[in-house]
PDB file of N, CA and C in Angstrom:
ATOM      1  N   MET A   1      -5.993  -1.318   2.399  1.00  0.00           N
ATOM      2  CA  MET A   1      -6.021  -1.393   0.952  1.00  0.00           C
ATOM      3  C   MET A   1      -7.321  -2.088   0.533  1.00  0.00           C
ATOM      4  N   THR A   2      -8.048  -1.512  -0.371  1.00  0.00           N
ATOM      5  CA  THR A   2      -9.303  -2.086  -0.829  1.00  0.00           C
ATOM      6  C   THR A   2      -9.014  -3.057  -1.964  1.00  0.00           C
ATOM      7  N   ILE A   3      -9.273  -4.316  -1.703  1.00  0.00           N
ATOM      8  CA  ILE A   3      -8.959  -5.373  -2.665  1.00  0.00           C
ATOM      9  C   ILE A   3      -9.773  -5.224  -3.942  1.00  0.00           C
ATOM     10  N   GLN A   4     -11.046  -4.816  -3.850  1.00  0.00           N
ATOM     11  CA  GLN A   4     -11.873  -4.674  -5.049  1.00  0.00           C
ATOM     12  C   GLN A   4     -11.260  -3.667  -6.014  1.00  0.00           C
ATOM     13  N   VAL A   5     -10.791  -2.568  -5.500  1.00  0.00           N
ATOM     14  CA  VAL A   5     -10.199  -1.531  -6.337  1.00  0.00           C
ATOM     15  C   VAL A   5      -8.908  -2.032  -6.958  1.00  0.00           C
ATOM     16  N   VAL A   6      -8.087  -2.664  -6.149  1.00  0.00           N
ATOM     17  CA  VAL A   6      -6.795  -3.147  -6.629  1.00  0.00           C
ATOM     18  C   VAL A   6      -6.977  -4.211  -7.691  1.00  0.00           C
ATOM     19  N   HIS A   7      -7.943  -5.107  -7.507  1.00  0.00           N
ATOM     20  CA  HIS A   7      -8.172  -6.158  -8.500  1.00  0.00           C
ATOM     21  C   HIS A   7      -8.617  -5.588  -9.843  1.00  0.00           C
ATOM     22  N   SER A   8      -9.307  -4.464  -9.826  1.00  0.00           N
ATOM     23  CA  SER A   8      -9.752  -3.890 -11.096  1.00  0.00           C
ATOM     24  C   SER A   8      -8.595  -3.250 -11.854  1.00  0.00           C
ATOM     25  N   ALA A   9      -7.531  -2.862 -11.155  1.00  0.00           N
ATOM     26  CA  ALA A   9      -6.408  -2.198 -11.802  1.00  0.00           C
ATOM     27  C   ALA A   9      -5.216  -3.131 -12.032  1.00  0.00           C
ATOM     28  N   PHE A  10      -5.075  -4.161 -11.203  1.00  0.00           N
ATOM     29  CA  PHE A  10      -3.932  -5.061 -11.282  1.00  0.00           C
ATOM     30  C   PHE A  10      -4.393  -6.506 -11.347  1.00  0.00           C
ATOM     31  N   GLY A  11      -3.488  -7.365 -11.737  1.00  0.00           N
ATOM     32  CA  GLY A  11      -3.759  -8.785 -11.748  1.00  0.00           C
ATOM     33  C   GLY A  11      -3.464  -9.402 -10.392  1.00  0.00           C
ATOM     34  N   PRO A  12      -3.735 -10.700 -10.245  1.00  0.00           N
ATOM     35  CA  PRO A  12      -3.537 -11.372  -8.955  1.00  0.00           C
ATOM     36  C   PRO A  12      -2.085 -11.332  -8.460  1.00  0.00           C
ATOM     37  N   LYS A  13      -1.137 -11.461  -9.366  1.00  0.00           N
ATOM     38  CA  LYS A  13       0.269 -11.435  -8.955  1.00  0.00           C
ATOM     39  C   LYS A  13       0.651 -10.069  -8.394  1.00  0.00           C
ATOM     40  N   GLN A  14       0.220  -9.003  -9.042  1.00  0.00           N
ATOM     41  CA  GLN A  14       0.531  -7.661  -8.569  1.00  0.00           C
ATOM     42  C   GLN A  14      -0.166  -7.370  -7.238  1.00  0.00           C
ATOM     43  N   VAL A  15      -1.373  -7.892  -7.077  1.00  0.00           N
ATOM     44  CA  VAL A  15      -2.098  -7.708  -5.823  1.00  0.00           C
ATOM     45  C   VAL A  15      -1.338  -8.380  -4.690  1.00  0.00           C
ATOM     46  N   ARG A  16      -0.848  -9.596  -4.925  1.00  0.00           N
ATOM     47  CA  ARG A  16      -0.062 -10.300  -3.903  1.00  0.00           C
ATOM     48  C   ARG A  16       1.200  -9.533  -3.557  1.00  0.00           C
ATOM     49  N   GLN A  17       1.857  -8.963  -4.568  1.00  0.00           N
ATOM     50  CA  GLN A  17       3.074  -8.188  -4.324  1.00  0.00           C
ATOM     51  C   GLN A  17       2.775  -6.928  -3.518  1.00  0.00           C
ATOM     52  N   LEU A  18       1.703  -6.237  -3.851  1.00  0.00           N
ATOM     53  CA  LEU A  18       1.328  -5.041  -3.102  1.00  0.00           C
ATOM     54  C   LEU A  18       0.974  -5.378  -1.655  1.00  0.00           C
ATOM     55  N   LYS A  19       0.256  -6.475  -1.453  1.00  0.00           N
ATOM     56  CA  LYS A  19      -0.086  -6.887  -0.096  1.00  0.00           C
ATOM     57  C   LYS A  19       1.170  -7.226   0.695  1.00  0.00           C
ATOM     58  N   GLU A  20       2.138  -7.872   0.046  1.00  0.00           N
ATOM     59  CA  GLU A  20       3.386  -8.216   0.716  1.00  0.00           C
ATOM     60  C   GLU A  20       4.160  -6.952   1.112  1.00  0.00           C
ATOM     61  N   VAL A  21       4.221  -5.979   0.229  1.00  0.00           N
ATOM     62  CA  VAL A  21       4.893  -4.718   0.535  1.00  0.00           C
ATOM     63  C   VAL A  21       4.207  -4.043   1.719  1.00  0.00           C
ATOM     64  N   TYR A  22       2.892  -4.007   1.704  1.00  0.00           N
ATOM     65  CA  TYR A  22       2.132  -3.383   2.784  1.00  0.00           C
ATOM     66  C   TYR A  22       2.385  -4.106   4.107  1.00  0.00           C
ATOM     67  N   GLU A  23       2.305  -5.422   4.101  1.00  0.00           N
ATOM     68  CA  GLU A  23       2.503  -6.196   5.328  1.00  0.00           C
ATOM     69  C   GLU A  23       3.924  -6.051   5.861  1.00  0.00           C
ATOM     70  N   ARG A  24       4.912  -5.998   4.989  1.00  0.00           N
ATOM     71  CA  ARG A  24       6.289  -5.811   5.442  1.00  0.00           C
ATOM     72  C   ARG A  24       6.509  -4.415   6.007  1.00  0.00           C
ATOM     73  N   ALA A  25       5.856  -3.431   5.429  1.00  0.00           N
ATOM     74  CA  ALA A  25       5.953  -2.072   5.972  1.00  0.00           C
ATOM     75  C   ALA A  25       5.339  -2.028   7.372  1.00  0.00           C
ATOM     76  N   ARG A  26       4.228  -2.716   7.566  1.00  0.00           N
ATOM     77  CA  ARG A  26       3.612  -2.777   8.893  1.00  0.00           C
ATOM     78  C   ARG A  26       4.548  -3.456   9.893  1.00  0.00           C
ATOM     79  N   ALA A  27       5.237  -4.512   9.463  1.00  0.00           N
ATOM     80  CA  ALA A  27       6.170  -5.217  10.344  1.00  0.00           C
ATOM     81  C   ALA A  27       7.358  -4.326  10.719  1.00  0.00           C
ATOM     82  N   VAL A  28       7.871  -3.585   9.749  1.00  0.00           N
ATOM     83  CA  VAL A  28       8.990  -2.669  10.012  1.00  0.00           C
ATOM     84  C   VAL A  28       8.559  -1.591  10.989  1.00  0.00           C
ATOM     85  N   GLU A  29       7.371  -1.048  10.794  1.00  0.00           N
ATOM     86  CA  GLU A  29       6.869   0.001  11.675  1.00  0.00           C
ATOM     87  C   GLU A  29       6.756  -0.518  13.112  1.00  0.00           C
ATOM     88  N   ALA A  30       6.332  -1.766  13.261  1.00  0.00           N
ATOM     89  CA  ALA A  30       6.177  -2.351  14.590  1.00  0.00           C
ATOM     90  C   ALA A  30       7.529  -2.694  15.227  1.00  0.00           C
ATOM     91  N   LYS A  31       8.503  -3.011  14.406  1.00  0.00           N
ATOM     92  CA  LYS A  31       9.797  -3.479  14.924  1.00  0.00           C
ATOM     93  C   LYS A  31      10.686  -2.341  15.425  1.00  0.00           C
ATOM     94  N   TYR A  32      10.682  -1.224  14.735  1.00  0.00           N
ATOM     95  CA  TYR A  32      11.606  -0.144  15.049  1.00  0.00           C
ATOM     96  C   TYR A  32      10.914   0.987  15.812  1.00  0.00           C
ATOM     97  N   PRO A  33      11.690   1.723  16.616  1.00  0.00           N
ATOM     98  CA  PRO A  33      11.096   2.865  17.314  1.00  0.00           C
ATOM     99  C   PRO A  33      10.651   3.935  16.325  1.00  0.00           C
ATOM    100  N   GLU A  34       9.744   4.787  16.768  1.00  0.00           N
ATOM    101  CA  GLU A  34       9.154   5.804  15.909  1.00  0.00           C
ATOM    102  C   GLU A  34      10.188   6.755  15.304  1.00  0.00           C
ATOM    103  N   SER A  35      11.284   6.966  16.008  1.00  0.00           N
ATOM    104  CA  SER A  35      12.308   7.905  15.537  1.00  0.00           C
ATOM    105  C   SER A  35      13.270   7.286  14.518  1.00  0.00           C
ATOM    106  N   HIS A  36      13.222   5.980  14.332  1.00  0.00           N
ATOM    107  CA  HIS A  36      14.129   5.295  13.410  1.00  0.00           C
ATOM    108  C   HIS A  36      13.744   5.605  11.959  1.00  0.00           C
ATOM    109  N   ILE A  37      14.748   5.750  11.104  1.00  0.00           N
ATOM    110  CA  ILE A  37      14.512   6.102   9.697  1.00  0.00           C
ATOM    111  C   ILE A  37      13.663   5.047   8.975  1.00  0.00           C
ATOM    112  N   ALA A  38      13.859   3.772   9.302  1.00  0.00           N
ATOM    113  CA  ALA A  38      13.074   2.710   8.663  1.00  0.00           C
ATOM    114  C   ALA A  38      11.610   2.806   9.066  1.00  0.00           C
ATOM    115  N   SER A  39      11.357   3.155  10.321  1.00  0.00           N
ATOM    116  CA  SER A  39       9.989   3.308  10.791  1.00  0.00           C
ATOM    117  C   SER A  39       9.318   4.494  10.111  1.00  0.00           C
ATOM    118  N   LYS A  40      10.061   5.576   9.941  1.00  0.00           N
ATOM    119  CA  LYS A  40       9.510   6.749   9.264  1.00  0.00           C
ATOM    120  C   LYS A  40       9.161   6.432   7.810  1.00  0.00           C
ATOM    121  N   ALA A  41      10.035   5.704   7.129  1.00  0.00           N
ATOM    122  CA  ALA A  41       9.772   5.323   5.736  1.00  0.00           C
ATOM    123  C   ALA A  41       8.576   4.385   5.650  1.00  0.00           C
ATOM    124  N   ALA A  42       8.494   3.450   6.593  1.00  0.00           N
ATOM    125  CA  ALA A  42       7.372   2.512   6.606  1.00  0.00           C
ATOM    126  C   ALA A  42       6.059   3.254   6.827  1.00  0.00           C
ATOM    127  N   LYS A  43       6.063   4.243   7.712  1.00  0.00           N
ATOM    128  CA  LYS A  43       4.844   5.022   7.960  1.00  0.00           C
ATOM    129  C   LYS A  43       4.384   5.743   6.701  1.00  0.00           C
ATOM    130  N   ARG A  44       5.319   6.293   5.949  1.00  0.00           N
ATOM    131  CA  ARG A  44       4.959   6.986   4.705  1.00  0.00           C
ATOM    132  C   ARG A  44       4.376   6.011   3.686  1.00  0.00           C
ATOM    133  N   LEU A  45       4.965   4.841   3.600  1.00  0.00           N
ATOM    134  CA  LEU A  45       4.475   3.833   2.667  1.00  0.00           C
ATOM    135  C   LEU A  45       3.079   3.369   3.059  1.00  0.00           C
ATOM    136  N   ILE A  46       2.887   3.110   4.328  1.00  0.00           N
ATOM    137  CA  ILE A  46       1.575   2.688   4.822  1.00  0.00           C
ATOM    138  C   ILE A  46       0.543   3.779   4.560  1.00  0.00           C
ATOM    139  N   ALA A  47       0.928   5.022   4.800  1.00  0.00           N
ATOM    140  CA  ALA A  47       0.015   6.140   4.552  1.00  0.00           C
ATOM    141  C   ALA A  47      -0.376   6.215   3.084  1.00  0.00           C
ATOM    142  N   ALA A  48       0.560   5.920   2.202  1.00  0.00           N
ATOM    143  CA  ALA A  48       0.258   5.938   0.769  1.00  0.00           C
ATOM    144  C   ALA A  48      -0.741   4.842   0.411  1.00  0.00           C
ATOM    145  N   PHE A  49      -0.589   3.677   1.018  1.00  0.00           N
ATOM    146  CA  PHE A  49      -1.531   2.586   0.759  1.00  0.00           C
ATOM    147  C   PHE A  49      -2.918   2.928   1.297  1.00  0.00           C
ATOM    148  N   GLU A  50      -2.975   3.555   2.452  1.00  0.00           N
ATOM    149  CA  GLU A  50      -4.249   3.796   3.107  1.00  0.00           C
ATOM    150  C   GLU A  50      -4.888   5.124   2.722  1.00  0.00           C
ATOM    151  N   ALA A  51      -4.212   5.952   1.982  1.00  0.00           N
ATOM    152  CA  ALA A  51      -4.709   7.292   1.658  1.00  0.00           C
ATOM    153  C   ALA A  51      -5.991   7.281   0.839  1.00  0.00           C
ATOM    154  N   VAL A  52      -6.181   6.320  -0.019  1.00  0.00           N
ATOM    155  CA  VAL A  52      -7.362   6.310  -0.881  1.00  0.00           C
ATOM    156  C   VAL A  52      -8.589   5.736  -0.195  1.00  0.00           C
ATOM    157  N   ILE A  53      -8.448   5.262   1.041  1.00  0.00           N
ATOM    158  CA  ILE A  53      -9.558   4.610   1.726  1.00  0.00           C
ATOM    159  C   ILE A  53     -10.045   5.496   2.862  1.00  0.00           C
ATOM    160  N   GLN A  54     -11.322   5.810   2.864  1.00  0.00           N
ATOM    161  CA  GLN A  54     -11.914   6.577   3.948  1.00  0.00           C
ATOM    162  C   GLN A  54     -12.155   5.651   5.134  1.00  0.00           C
ATOM    163  N   THR A  55     -12.473   6.215   6.287  1.00  0.00           N
ATOM    164  CA  THR A  55     -12.697   5.405   7.485  1.00  0.00           C
ATOM    165  C   THR A  55     -13.893   4.473   7.345  1.00  0.00           C
ATOM    166  N   ASP A  56     -14.862   4.822   6.519  1.00  0.00           N
ATOM    167  CA  ASP A  56     -16.024   3.946   6.346  1.00  0.00           C
ATOM    168  C   ASP A  56     -15.789   2.875   5.285  1.00  0.00           C
ATOM    169  N   GLY A  57     -14.576   2.834   4.714  1.00  0.00           N
ATOM    170  CA  GLY A  57     -14.233   1.808   3.746  1.00  0.00           C
ATOM    171  C   GLY A  57     -14.477   2.177   2.304  1.00  0.00           C
ATOM    172  N   THR A  58     -15.043   3.341   2.045  1.00  0.00           N
ATOM    173  CA  THR A  58     -15.267   3.743   0.667  1.00  0.00           C
ATOM    174  C   THR A  58     -13.997   4.334   0.078  1.00  0.00           C
ATOM    175  N   VAL A  59     -13.870   4.223  -1.201  1.00  0.00           N
ATOM    176  CA  VAL A  59     -12.663   4.654  -1.888  1.00  0.00           C
ATOM    177  C   VAL A  59     -12.815   6.095  -2.348  1.00  0.00           C
ATOM    178  N   LEU A  60     -11.783   6.889  -2.157  1.00  0.00           N
ATOM    179  CA  LEU A  60     -11.811   8.282  -2.589  1.00  0.00           C
ATOM    180  C   LEU A  60     -11.501   8.372  -4.077  1.00  0.00           C
ATOM    181  N   ASP A  61     -10.256   8.478  -4.435  1.00  0.00           N
ATOM    182  CA  ASP A  61      -9.857   8.659  -5.827  1.00  0.00           C
ATOM    183  C   ASP A  61      -8.903   7.541  -6.217  1.00  0.00           C
ATOM    184  N   VAL A  62      -9.322   6.681  -7.109  1.00  0.00           N
ATOM    185  CA  VAL A  62      -8.489   5.555  -7.511  1.00  0.00           C
ATOM    186  C   VAL A  62      -7.976   5.735  -8.936  1.00  0.00           C
ATOM    187  N   HIS A  63      -8.090   6.928  -9.469  1.00  0.00           N
ATOM    188  CA  HIS A  63      -7.631   7.193 -10.827  1.00  0.00           C
ATOM    189  C   HIS A  63      -6.151   6.863 -10.978  1.00  0.00           C
ATOM    190  N   TRP A  64      -5.349   7.138  -9.949  1.00  0.00           N
ATOM    191  CA  TRP A  64      -3.910   6.876 -10.013  1.00  0.00           C
ATOM    192  C   TRP A  64      -3.628   5.385 -10.145  1.00  0.00           C
ATOM    193  N   LEU A  65      -4.526   4.528  -9.633  1.00  0.00           N
ATOM    194  CA  LEU A  65      -4.304   3.083  -9.747  1.00  0.00           C
ATOM    195  C   LEU A  65      -4.389   2.625 -11.201  1.00  0.00           C
ATOM    196  N   SER A  66      -5.300   3.192 -11.951  1.00  0.00           N
ATOM    197  CA  SER A  66      -5.451   2.775 -13.343  1.00  0.00           C
ATOM    198  C   SER A  66      -4.310   3.276 -14.210  1.00  0.00           C
ATOM    199  N   GLU A  67      -3.589   4.305 -13.750  1.00  0.00           N
ATOM    200  CA  GLU A  67      -2.457   4.812 -14.501  1.00  0.00           C
ATOM    201  C   GLU A  67      -1.129   4.176 -14.106  1.00  0.00           C
ATOM    202  N   ALA A  68      -1.133   3.406 -13.032  1.00  0.00           N
ATOM    203  CA  ALA A  68       0.107   2.795 -12.549  1.00  0.00           C
ATOM    204  C   ALA A  68       0.587   1.740 -13.534  1.00  0.00           C
ATOM    205  N   ASP A  69       1.869   1.671 -13.695  1.00  0.00           N
ATOM    206  CA  ASP A  69       2.485   0.704 -14.597  1.00  0.00           C
ATOM    207  C   ASP A  69       3.654   0.035 -13.865  1.00  0.00           C
ATOM    208  N   PRO A  70       3.342  -0.877 -12.914  1.00  0.00           N
ATOM    209  CA  PRO A  70       4.412  -1.486 -12.130  1.00  0.00           C
ATOM    210  C   PRO A  70       5.315  -2.332 -13.001  1.00  0.00           C
ATOM    211  N   GLN A  71       6.603  -2.195 -12.762  1.00  0.00           N
ATOM    212  CA  GLN A  71       7.585  -2.987 -13.503  1.00  0.00           C
ATOM    213  C   GLN A  71       8.673  -3.418 -12.532  1.00  0.00           C
ATOM    214  N   GLY A  72       9.242  -4.566 -12.754  1.00  0.00           N
ATOM    215  CA  GLY A  72      10.314  -5.051 -11.887  1.00  0.00           C
ATOM    216  C   GLY A  72       9.774  -5.664 -10.624  1.00  0.00           C
ATOM    217  N   ASN A  73      10.648  -5.832  -9.659  1.00  0.00           N
ATOM    218  CA  ASN A  73      10.298  -6.463  -8.400  1.00  0.00           C
ATOM    219  C   ASN A  73      10.271  -5.450  -7.276  1.00  0.00           C
ATOM    220  N   ALA A  74       9.348  -5.643  -6.353  1.00  0.00           N
ATOM    221  CA  ALA A  74       9.251  -4.734  -5.200  1.00  0.00           C
ATOM    222  C   ALA A  74      10.287  -5.113  -4.168  1.00  0.00           C
TER     223      ALA A  74
END
């Protein structure tokens, strides 16, 4: 997840929440076998976080971040 991009679209509290969701998804993926439903869901979530970032660290399309309207608790 590119912090510069996230900071431009969200505030510090939302950034912390997104980082926590990402880190917990990574922990779930590591804890369960690949065939487990929780691991599959975690992989999809991680892929969604990492989809906008190319291997060289540049951001592809962040338009969806500016349209996001997070509400409630993750």
